[in-house]
Amino acid sequence: MLFTDLFIRRPILSAVVSLMILLVGLSATYNLPIRQYPKMESATITIDTSLPGATQDMMQGFVTTPIAQAISTANGIEYITSTSKQGKSHISAKLVLNADADRAMTEILAKVQTVKYRLPAGVTDPVIAKITDGASAIQYLAFISDTLSPPQIVDFISRVAQPLITSVPGVASATVVGGSSFAMRVWVDPVKLAARGLTASDIASALRSNNIQASLDS
């Protein structure tokens, strides 16, 4: 007795088995992923901190080192690299392959919070960001104007265009590249300053107290 004889004597069973095979094949067609390469996730978490006026040695010893030591115990980190320069500290934490980047970022954020009290006075809050390795921008948008200056264009992008773009479903982030923000540069004459009994702190306080937020058309 051959195995095929069973299906010859029982045609209903043969039809049911054939339908089952057909349904399984159709389900696999729509559900099974087809990829040329296996899915792998590789990410890096960066921590940027600044302290205006601090030397490179001060940034290394009092900012970069405490933060790097704190995050080194976080799970999922393969290795850590850091650079310190005048007023700037940059730390990169490379995650192991296929590590949960969101979980690692949350843990690193908590680790950084535990050492904030050890950082020098005047240091800015560390900026923590997640970067997907090998990722590139999907689309670039250029903004030009015949009436607005470059700083005014950047101000419009930051206040209006960038929030609208980031609110689009599926958009992870939108970064302004090559922009020049509004800034003020002040030169202080120490002789005239001393003659009036003022200090650099007095000038900084006066600038802060007179600083206002205004739109382009105000």
C-alpha atoms as a PDB file:
ATOM      1  CA  MET A   1       0.000   0.000   0.000  1.00  0.00           C
ATOM      2  CA  LEU A   2       1.446   3.283  -1.079  1.00  0.00           C
ATOM      3  CA  PHE A   3       0.999   6.548   0.811  1.00  0.00           C
ATOM      4  CA  THR A   4      -0.735   8.095  -2.176  1.00  0.00           C
ATOM      5  CA  ASP A   5      -3.388   5.365  -2.223  1.00  0.00           C
ATOM      6  CA  LEU A   6      -4.993   6.922   0.856  1.00  0.00           C
ATOM      7  CA  PHE A   7      -5.721  10.135  -1.049  1.00  0.00           C
ATOM      8  CA  ILE A   8      -7.045   8.208  -4.055  1.00  0.00           C
ATOM      9  CA  ARG A   9      -9.568   6.336  -1.914  1.00  0.00           C
ATOM     10  CA  ARG A  10     -10.525   9.469   0.056  1.00  0.00           C
ATOM     11  CA  PRO A  11     -10.790  12.438  -2.312  1.00  0.00           C
ATOM     12  CA  ILE A  12     -12.300  14.704   0.390  1.00  0.00           C
ATOM     13  CA  LEU A  13      -9.206  14.291   2.554  1.00  0.00           C
ATOM     14  CA  SER A  14      -7.078  15.047  -0.480  1.00  0.00           C
ATOM     15  CA  ALA A  15      -8.986  18.262  -1.142  1.00  0.00           C
ATOM     16  CA  VAL A  16      -8.745  19.360   2.524  1.00  0.00           C
ATOM     17  CA  VAL A  17      -4.987  18.813   2.649  1.00  0.00           C
ATOM     18  CA  SER A  18      -4.534  20.675  -0.631  1.00  0.00           C
ATOM     19  CA  LEU A  19      -6.570  23.613   0.700  1.00  0.00           C
ATOM     20  CA  MET A  20      -4.498  23.667   3.891  1.00  0.00           C
ATOM     21  CA  ILE A  21      -1.284  23.786   1.880  1.00  0.00           C
ATOM     22  CA  LEU A  22      -2.715  26.590  -0.259  1.00  0.00           C
ATOM     23  CA  LEU A  23      -3.793  28.634   2.771  1.00  0.00           C
ATOM     24  CA  VAL A  24      -0.428  28.184   4.491  1.00  0.00           C
ATOM     25  CA  GLY A  25       1.337  29.272   1.313  1.00  0.00           C
ATOM     26  CA  LEU A  26      -0.819  32.389   0.967  1.00  0.00           C
ATOM     27  CA  SER A  27      -0.263  33.278   4.617  1.00  0.00           C
ATOM     28  CA  ALA A  28       3.505  32.928   4.199  1.00  0.00           C
ATOM     29  CA  THR A  29       3.415  35.139   1.112  1.00  0.00           C
ATOM     30  CA  TYR A  30       1.997  38.089   3.083  1.00  0.00           C
ATOM     31  CA  ASN A  31       3.620  37.518   6.495  1.00  0.00           C
ATOM     32  CA  LEU A  32       7.140  36.204   5.917  1.00  0.00           C
ATOM     33  CA  PRO A  33       9.664  39.065   5.465  1.00  0.00           C
ATOM     34  CA  ILE A  34      12.041  38.982   2.529  1.00  0.00           C
ATOM     35  CA  ARG A  35      15.399  40.617   3.265  1.00  0.00           C
ATOM     36  CA  GLN A  36      18.705  40.507   1.479  1.00  0.00           C
ATOM     37  CA  TYR A  37      20.581  41.008   4.753  1.00  0.00           C
ATOM     38  CA  PRO A  38      19.619  40.175   8.364  1.00  0.00           C
ATOM     39  CA  LYS A  39      18.068  42.962  10.427  1.00  0.00           C
ATOM     40  CA  MET A  40      20.701  44.516  12.675  1.00  0.00           C
ATOM     41  CA  GLU A  41      20.530  47.653  14.805  1.00  0.00           C
ATOM     42  CA  SER A  42      23.655  49.600  15.656  1.00  0.00           C
ATOM     43  CA  ALA A  43      23.393  52.864  17.584  1.00  0.00           C
ATOM     44  CA  THR A  44      25.563  55.375  19.418  1.00  0.00           C
ATOM     45  CA  ILE A  45      24.481  57.649  22.257  1.00  0.00           C
ATOM     46  CA  THR A  46      26.228  61.030  22.509  1.00  0.00           C
ATOM     47  CA  ILE A  47      26.468  63.385  25.486  1.00  0.00           C
ATOM     48  CA  ASP A  48      27.443  67.015  24.833  1.00  0.00           C
ATOM     49  CA  THR A  49      28.154  69.448  27.657  1.00  0.00           C
ATOM     50  CA  SER A  50      29.514  72.985  27.585  1.00  0.00           C
ATOM     51  CA  LEU A  51      31.000  75.379  30.126  1.00  0.00           C
ATOM     52  CA  PRO A  52      31.900  78.757  28.559  1.00  0.00           C
ATOM     53  CA  GLY A  53      35.398  79.904  29.438  1.00  0.00           C
ATOM     54  CA  ALA A  54      36.614  76.583  30.871  1.00  0.00           C
ATOM     55  CA  THR A  55      40.001  75.238  29.774  1.00  0.00           C
ATOM     56  CA  GLN A  56      40.496  71.875  28.126  1.00  0.00           C
ATOM     57  CA  ASP A  57      42.029  70.364  31.276  1.00  0.00           C
ATOM     58  CA  MET A  58      39.132  71.600  33.396  1.00  0.00           C
ATOM     59  CA  MET A  59      36.566  70.136  30.987  1.00  0.00           C
ATOM     60  CA  GLN A  60      38.414  66.811  30.975  1.00  0.00           C
ATOM     61  CA  GLY A  61      38.836  66.548  34.732  1.00  0.00           C
ATOM     62  CA  PHE A  62      35.612  68.026  36.074  1.00  0.00           C
ATOM     63  CA  VAL A  63      33.048  67.361  33.309  1.00  0.00           C
ATOM     64  CA  THR A  64      34.070  64.593  30.899  1.00  0.00           C
ATOM     65  CA  THR A  65      35.582  62.202  33.443  1.00  0.00           C
ATOM     66  CA  PRO A  66      32.679  62.190  35.968  1.00  0.00           C
ATOM     67  CA  ILE A  67      30.079  61.686  33.239  1.00  0.00           C
ATOM     68  CA  ALA A  68      32.082  58.960  31.479  1.00  0.00           C
ATOM     69  CA  GLN A  69      32.637  57.091  34.751  1.00  0.00           C
ATOM     70  CA  ALA A  70      28.932  57.267  35.573  1.00  0.00           C
ATOM     71  CA  ILE A  71      27.635  55.950  32.245  1.00  0.00           C
ATOM     72  CA  SER A  72      30.295  53.227  31.948  1.00  0.00           C
ATOM     73  CA  THR A  73      28.204  50.990  34.207  1.00  0.00           C
ATOM     74  CA  ALA A  74      25.115  51.188  31.976  1.00  0.00           C
ATOM     75  CA  ASN A  75      23.990  48.004  30.257  1.00  0.00           C
ATOM     76  CA  GLY A  76      24.471  47.537  26.525  1.00  0.00           C
ATOM     77  CA  ILE A  77      27.562  49.727  26.077  1.00  0.00           C
ATOM     78  CA  GLU A  78      30.401  48.224  24.052  1.00  0.00           C
ATOM     79  CA  TYR A  79      32.932  51.057  24.455  1.00  0.00           C
ATOM     80  CA  ILE A  80      33.109  54.773  25.272  1.00  0.00           C
ATOM     81  CA  THR A  81      35.104  57.526  23.561  1.00  0.00           C
ATOM     82  CA  SER A  82      35.376  61.151  24.658  1.00  0.00           C
ATOM     83  CA  THR A  83      36.910  64.424  23.555  1.00  0.00           C
ATOM     84  CA  SER A  84      37.428  67.589  25.579  1.00  0.00           C
ATOM     85  CA  LYS A  85      38.298  71.038  24.329  1.00  0.00           C
ATOM     86  CA  GLN A  86      37.923  74.586  25.564  1.00  0.00           C
ATOM     87  CA  GLY A  87      34.406  74.927  26.916  1.00  0.00           C
ATOM     88  CA  LYS A  88      33.162  71.729  25.236  1.00  0.00           C
ATOM     89  CA  SER A  89      32.849  68.075  26.251  1.00  0.00           C
ATOM     90  CA  HIS A  90      31.721  65.289  23.904  1.00  0.00           C
ATOM     91  CA  ILE A  91      31.191  61.667  24.953  1.00  0.00           C
ATOM     92  CA  SER A  92      30.135  58.850  22.609  1.00  0.00           C
ATOM     93  CA  ALA A  93      28.832  55.526  23.950  1.00  0.00           C
ATOM     94  CA  LYS A  94      28.832  52.819  21.290  1.00  0.00           C
ATOM     95  CA  LEU A  95      26.155  50.197  21.957  1.00  0.00           C
ATOM     96  CA  VAL A  96      26.540  46.492  21.311  1.00  0.00           C
ATOM     97  CA  LEU A  97      24.930  45.107  18.179  1.00  0.00           C
ATOM     98  CA  ASN A  98      21.131  44.788  18.390  1.00  0.00           C
ATOM     99  CA  ALA A  99      21.015  46.393  21.846  1.00  0.00           C
ATOM    100  CA  ASP A 100      17.819  48.149  22.918  1.00  0.00           C
ATOM    101  CA  ALA A 101      18.850  51.748  22.183  1.00  0.00           C
ATOM    102  CA  ASP A 102      15.818  53.320  23.883  1.00  0.00           C
ATOM    103  CA  ARG A 103      16.411  51.370  27.092  1.00  0.00           C
ATOM    104  CA  ALA A 104      20.122  52.182  27.047  1.00  0.00           C
ATOM    105  CA  MET A 105      19.415  55.872  26.496  1.00  0.00           C
ATOM    106  CA  THR A 106      17.008  55.931  29.454  1.00  0.00           C
ATOM    107  CA  GLU A 107      19.593  54.267  31.678  1.00  0.00           C
ATOM    108  CA  ILE A 108      22.358  56.624  30.548  1.00  0.00           C
ATOM    109  CA  LEU A 109      20.096  59.609  31.195  1.00  0.00           C
ATOM    110  CA  ALA A 110      19.531  58.365  34.741  1.00  0.00           C
ATOM    111  CA  LYS A 111      23.275  57.847  35.243  1.00  0.00           C
ATOM    112  CA  VAL A 112      24.037  61.391  34.102  1.00  0.00           C
ATOM    113  CA  GLN A 113      21.459  62.810  36.511  1.00  0.00           C
ATOM    114  CA  THR A 114      23.270  61.158  39.425  1.00  0.00           C
ATOM    115  CA  VAL A 115      26.479  63.139  38.793  1.00  0.00           C
ATOM    116  CA  LYS A 116      25.023  66.533  37.855  1.00  0.00           C
ATOM    117  CA  TYR A 117      25.675  67.813  41.377  1.00  0.00           C
ATOM    118  CA  ARG A 118      29.407  67.120  40.905  1.00  0.00           C
ATOM    119  CA  LEU A 119      29.699  69.276  37.783  1.00  0.00           C
ATOM    120  CA  PRO A 120      31.085  72.823  38.080  1.00  0.00           C
ATOM    121  CA  ALA A 121      28.769  75.788  38.525  1.00  0.00           C
ATOM    122  CA  GLY A 122      27.665  77.346  35.246  1.00  0.00           C
ATOM    123  CA  VAL A 123      27.841  74.142  33.209  1.00  0.00           C
ATOM    124  CA  THR A 124      24.935  73.610  30.820  1.00  0.00           C
ATOM    125  CA  ASP A 125      22.668  70.605  31.117  1.00  0.00           C
ATOM    126  CA  PRO A 126      24.138  67.635  29.215  1.00  0.00           C
ATOM    127  CA  VAL A 127      22.463  67.101  25.849  1.00  0.00           C
ATOM    128  CA  ILE A 128      21.907  63.377  25.264  1.00  0.00           C
ATOM    129  CA  ALA A 129      21.062  62.146  21.757  1.00  0.00           C
ATOM    130  CA  LYS A 130      20.732  58.795  20.012  1.00  0.00           C
ATOM    131  CA  ILE A 131      22.373  58.321  16.618  1.00  0.00           C
ATOM    132  CA  THR A 132      21.652  55.319  14.405  1.00  0.00           C
ATOM    133  CA  ASP A 133      24.908  54.215  12.805  1.00  0.00           C
ATOM    134  CA  GLY A 134      24.897  54.303   9.035  1.00  0.00           C
ATOM    135  CA  ALA A 135      21.710  56.338   8.832  1.00  0.00           C
ATOM    136  CA  SER A 136      21.525  59.263   6.438  1.00  0.00           C
ATOM    137  CA  ALA A 137      19.027  62.003   5.769  1.00  0.00           C
ATOM    138  CA  ILE A 138      16.121  60.963   3.558  1.00  0.00           C
ATOM    139  CA  GLN A 139      15.333  64.452   2.292  1.00  0.00           C
ATOM    140  CA  TYR A 140      16.974  67.884   2.275  1.00  0.00           C
ATOM    141  CA  LEU A 141      14.924  71.085   2.101  1.00  0.00           C
ATOM    142  CA  ALA A 142      16.465  74.402   1.048  1.00  0.00           C
ATOM    143  CA  PHE A 143      15.066  77.771   2.139  1.00  0.00           C
ATOM    144  CA  ILE A 144      15.869  80.961   0.210  1.00  0.00           C
ATOM    145  CA  SER A 145      14.487  84.491   0.326  1.00  0.00           C
ATOM    146  CA  ASP A 146      14.961  87.762  -1.534  1.00  0.00           C
ATOM    147  CA  THR A 147      13.896  89.867   1.453  1.00  0.00           C
ATOM    148  CA  LEU A 148      15.155  88.028   4.563  1.00  0.00           C
ATOM    149  CA  SER A 149      18.752  87.815   5.714  1.00  0.00           C
ATOM    150  CA  PRO A 150      20.332  84.402   6.518  1.00  0.00           C
ATOM    151  CA  PRO A 151      19.825  84.813  10.310  1.00  0.00           C
ATOM    152  CA  GLN A 152      16.181  85.732   9.709  1.00  0.00           C
ATOM    153  CA  ILE A 153      15.709  82.655   7.501  1.00  0.00           C
ATOM    154  CA  VAL A 154      17.223  80.440  10.220  1.00  0.00           C
ATOM    155  CA  ASP A 155      14.936  82.045  12.790  1.00  0.00           C
ATOM    156  CA  PHE A 156      11.904  81.290  10.604  1.00  0.00           C
ATOM    157  CA  ILE A 157      13.044  77.684  10.117  1.00  0.00           C
ATOM    158  CA  SER A 158      13.594  77.150  13.856  1.00  0.00           C
ATOM    159  CA  ARG A 159      10.287  78.666  14.932  1.00  0.00           C
ATOM    160  CA  VAL A 160       7.937  77.652  12.103  1.00  0.00           C
ATOM    161  CA  ALA A 161       9.286  75.134   9.580  1.00  0.00           C
ATOM    162  CA  GLN A 162      11.167  72.745  11.875  1.00  0.00           C
ATOM    163  CA  PRO A 163       8.238  72.108  14.282  1.00  0.00           C
ATOM    164  CA  LEU A 164       5.907  71.488  11.334  1.00  0.00           C
ATOM    165  CA  ILE A 165       8.292  69.000   9.726  1.00  0.00           C
ATOM    166  CA  THR A 166       8.937  67.073  12.946  1.00  0.00           C
ATOM    167  CA  SER A 167       5.177  66.770  13.543  1.00  0.00           C
ATOM    168  CA  VAL A 168       4.730  64.780  10.310  1.00  0.00           C
ATOM    169  CA  PRO A 169       4.028  61.088  11.117  1.00  0.00           C
ATOM    170  CA  GLY A 170       7.097  58.938  10.528  1.00  0.00           C
ATOM    171  CA  VAL A 171       9.627  61.785  10.804  1.00  0.00           C
ATOM    172  CA  ALA A 172      12.209  61.030  13.495  1.00  0.00           C
ATOM    173  CA  SER A 173      14.031  64.355  13.558  1.00  0.00           C
ATOM    174  CA  ALA A 174      14.744  67.461  11.508  1.00  0.00           C
ATOM    175  CA  THR A 175      18.096  69.225  11.796  1.00  0.00           C
ATOM    176  CA  VAL A 176      19.068  72.679  10.573  1.00  0.00           C
ATOM    177  CA  VAL A 177      22.326  72.453   8.614  1.00  0.00           C
ATOM    178  CA  GLY A 178      24.496  75.443   7.776  1.00  0.00           C
ATOM    179  CA  GLY A 179      22.369  78.003   9.555  1.00  0.00           C
ATOM    180  CA  SER A 180      23.571  81.129  11.338  1.00  0.00           C
ATOM    181  CA  SER A 181      21.588  82.126  14.403  1.00  0.00           C
ATOM    182  CA  PHE A 182      21.150  85.618  15.812  1.00  0.00           C
ATOM    183  CA  ALA A 183      24.069  86.609  18.041  1.00  0.00           C
ATOM    184  CA  MET A 184      25.620  89.665  19.629  1.00  0.00           C
ATOM    185  CA  ARG A 185      29.341  90.250  20.098  1.00  0.00           C
ATOM    186  CA  VAL A 186      30.418  92.847  22.645  1.00  0.00           C
ATOM    187  CA  TRP A 187      33.920  94.316  22.965  1.00  0.00           C
ATOM    188  CA  VAL A 188      34.718  95.691  26.417  1.00  0.00           C
ATOM    189  CA  ASP A 189      37.271  98.435  27.057  1.00  0.00           C
ATOM    190  CA  PRO A 190      38.709  97.649  30.514  1.00  0.00           C
ATOM    191  CA  VAL A 191      40.026 101.193  30.983  1.00  0.00           C
ATOM    192  CA  LYS A 192      36.645 102.862  30.365  1.00  0.00           C
ATOM    193  CA  LEU A 193      34.971 100.135  32.382  1.00  0.00           C
ATOM    194  CA  ALA A 194      37.196 100.789  35.405  1.00  0.00           C
ATOM    195  CA  ALA A 195      36.733 104.558  35.061  1.00  0.00           C
ATOM    196  CA  ARG A 196      33.002 104.113  35.522  1.00  0.00           C
ATOM    197  CA  GLY A 197      33.358 101.646  38.370  1.00  0.00           C
ATOM    198  CA  LEU A 198      31.800  98.778  36.428  1.00  0.00           C
ATOM    199  CA  THR A 199      32.734  95.146  35.906  1.00  0.00           C
ATOM    200  CA  ALA A 200      32.107  92.610  33.168  1.00  0.00           C
ATOM    201  CA  SER A 201      29.414  91.060  35.348  1.00  0.00           C
ATOM    202  CA  ASP A 202      27.540  94.370  35.377  1.00  0.00           C
ATOM    203  CA  ILE A 203      27.519  94.415  31.569  1.00  0.00           C
ATOM    204  CA  ALA A 204      26.323  90.802  31.401  1.00  0.00           C
ATOM    205  CA  SER A 205      23.529  91.546  33.880  1.00  0.00           C
ATOM    206  CA  ALA A 206      22.461  94.614  31.905  1.00  0.00           C
ATOM    207  CA  LEU A 207      22.328  92.631  28.661  1.00  0.00           C
ATOM    208  CA  ARG A 208      20.275  89.859  30.269  1.00  0.00           C
ATOM    209  CA  SER A 209      17.819  92.296  31.840  1.00  0.00           C
ATOM    210  CA  ASN A 210      17.258  94.083  28.526  1.00  0.00           C
ATOM    211  CA  ASN A 211      17.021  90.943  26.420  1.00  0.00           C
ATOM    212  CA  ILE A 212      13.585  90.471  24.844  1.00  0.00           C
ATOM    213  CA  GLN A 213      12.012  87.842  22.606  1.00  0.00           C
ATOM    214  CA  ALA A 214      10.496  89.375  19.472  1.00  0.00           C
ATOM    215  CA  SER A 215       9.231  88.041  16.166  1.00  0.00           C
ATOM    216  CA  LEU A 216      10.576  89.152  12.807  1.00  0.00           C
ATOM    217  CA  ASP A 217       7.599  91.385  12.071  1.00  0.00           C
ATOM    218  CA  SER A 218       7.477  93.109  15.472  1.00  0.00           C
END
